[in-house]
Protein backbone atom coordinates (compact mmCIF):
# COMPACT_ATOMS: atom_id res chain seq x y z
CA MET A 1 76.14 -3.31 -56.09
CA ALA A 2 72.43 -4.06 -55.86
CA HIS A 3 71.52 -0.43 -56.45
CA ALA A 4 73.74 -0.27 -59.55
CA VAL A 5 72.24 -3.48 -60.95
CA ILE A 6 68.71 -2.21 -60.39
CA ARG A 7 69.50 1.17 -61.89
CA GLU A 8 71.20 -0.30 -64.96
CA THR A 9 68.62 -3.00 -65.58
CA LEU A 10 65.29 -1.52 -64.58
CA PHE A 11 65.92 2.06 -65.60
CA ALA A 12 68.46 1.91 -68.43
CA SER A 13 67.55 -1.25 -70.36
CA GLU A 14 64.91 -1.43 -73.01
CA ALA A 15 61.98 -3.58 -71.99
CA SER A 16 59.35 -5.27 -74.12
CA LEU A 17 55.75 -4.46 -73.27
CA LEU A 18 53.13 -7.10 -73.99
CA SER A 19 49.51 -6.22 -73.43
CA GLU A 20 47.10 -9.01 -72.50
CA PRO A 21 43.83 -7.11 -72.04
CA ARG A 22 41.67 -10.23 -71.71
CA ARG A 23 43.80 -11.33 -68.76
CA GLY A 24 44.15 -7.81 -67.38
CA ILE A 25 47.95 -7.87 -67.65
CA LEU A 26 50.65 -5.63 -69.07
CA ARG A 27 53.87 -7.66 -69.12
CA VAL A 28 57.15 -5.79 -68.73
CA ARG A 29 59.84 -8.14 -70.06
CA LEU A 30 63.38 -7.21 -69.17
CA PRO A 31 66.47 -8.45 -71.02
CA ARG A 32 68.58 -11.04 -69.29
CA GLN A 33 71.89 -9.85 -67.94
CA SER A 34 75.26 -11.04 -69.20
CA GLN A 35 75.94 -12.82 -65.91
CA ALA A 36 73.47 -15.14 -64.18
CA HIS A 37 74.18 -13.74 -60.71
CA LEU A 38 72.85 -10.35 -61.86
CA ASP A 39 69.54 -11.93 -62.86
CA GLU A 40 69.45 -13.69 -59.49
CA ALA A 41 70.00 -10.38 -57.71
CA LEU A 42 67.04 -8.87 -59.54
CA GLU A 43 64.60 -11.74 -58.94
CA PRO A 44 63.52 -10.48 -55.48
CA VAL A 45 63.01 -6.98 -56.88
CA LEU A 46 60.75 -8.26 -59.67
CA LYS A 47 58.86 -10.44 -57.18
CA ALA A 48 58.31 -7.45 -54.88
CA LEU A 49 57.15 -5.27 -57.77
CA ASN A 50 54.69 -7.96 -58.88
CA GLN A 51 53.31 -8.33 -55.37
CA THR A 52 52.29 -4.66 -55.35
CA GLY A 53 49.59 -5.35 -57.93
CA THR A 54 50.27 -1.99 -59.58
CA VAL A 55 47.81 -1.07 -62.33
CA TYR A 56 49.10 0.92 -65.28
CA PRO A 57 47.53 4.42 -65.24
CA VAL A 58 44.32 4.96 -67.22
CA THR A 59 43.96 1.19 -67.83
CA ASP A 60 42.80 -1.87 -65.97
CA LEU A 61 46.09 -3.66 -66.73
CA ARG A 62 48.17 -4.96 -63.84
CA LEU A 63 51.93 -4.70 -64.37
CA VAL A 64 53.81 -8.01 -64.36
CA TYR A 65 57.60 -7.83 -64.43
CA GLU A 66 59.65 -10.74 -65.77
CA PHE A 67 62.76 -11.61 -67.71
CA ASN A 68 62.61 -12.46 -71.40
CA GLY A 69 62.21 -16.17 -71.91
CA ARG A 70 60.20 -16.90 -68.77
């Protein structure tokens, strides 16, 4: 189930991108899921992605993954 949730949310959903160049951040905001337990299942994945400190190519912007409304 976790793989399906990740695939459907991270790879199939439209995300909002918010650039904060002064803070060095590119926010990737994902839509909330229809059921709270799906959001809860994705929380550790988003946390792990954020801990990598990945910088978007050809920029100095660090990717920060989060759900809309947080």
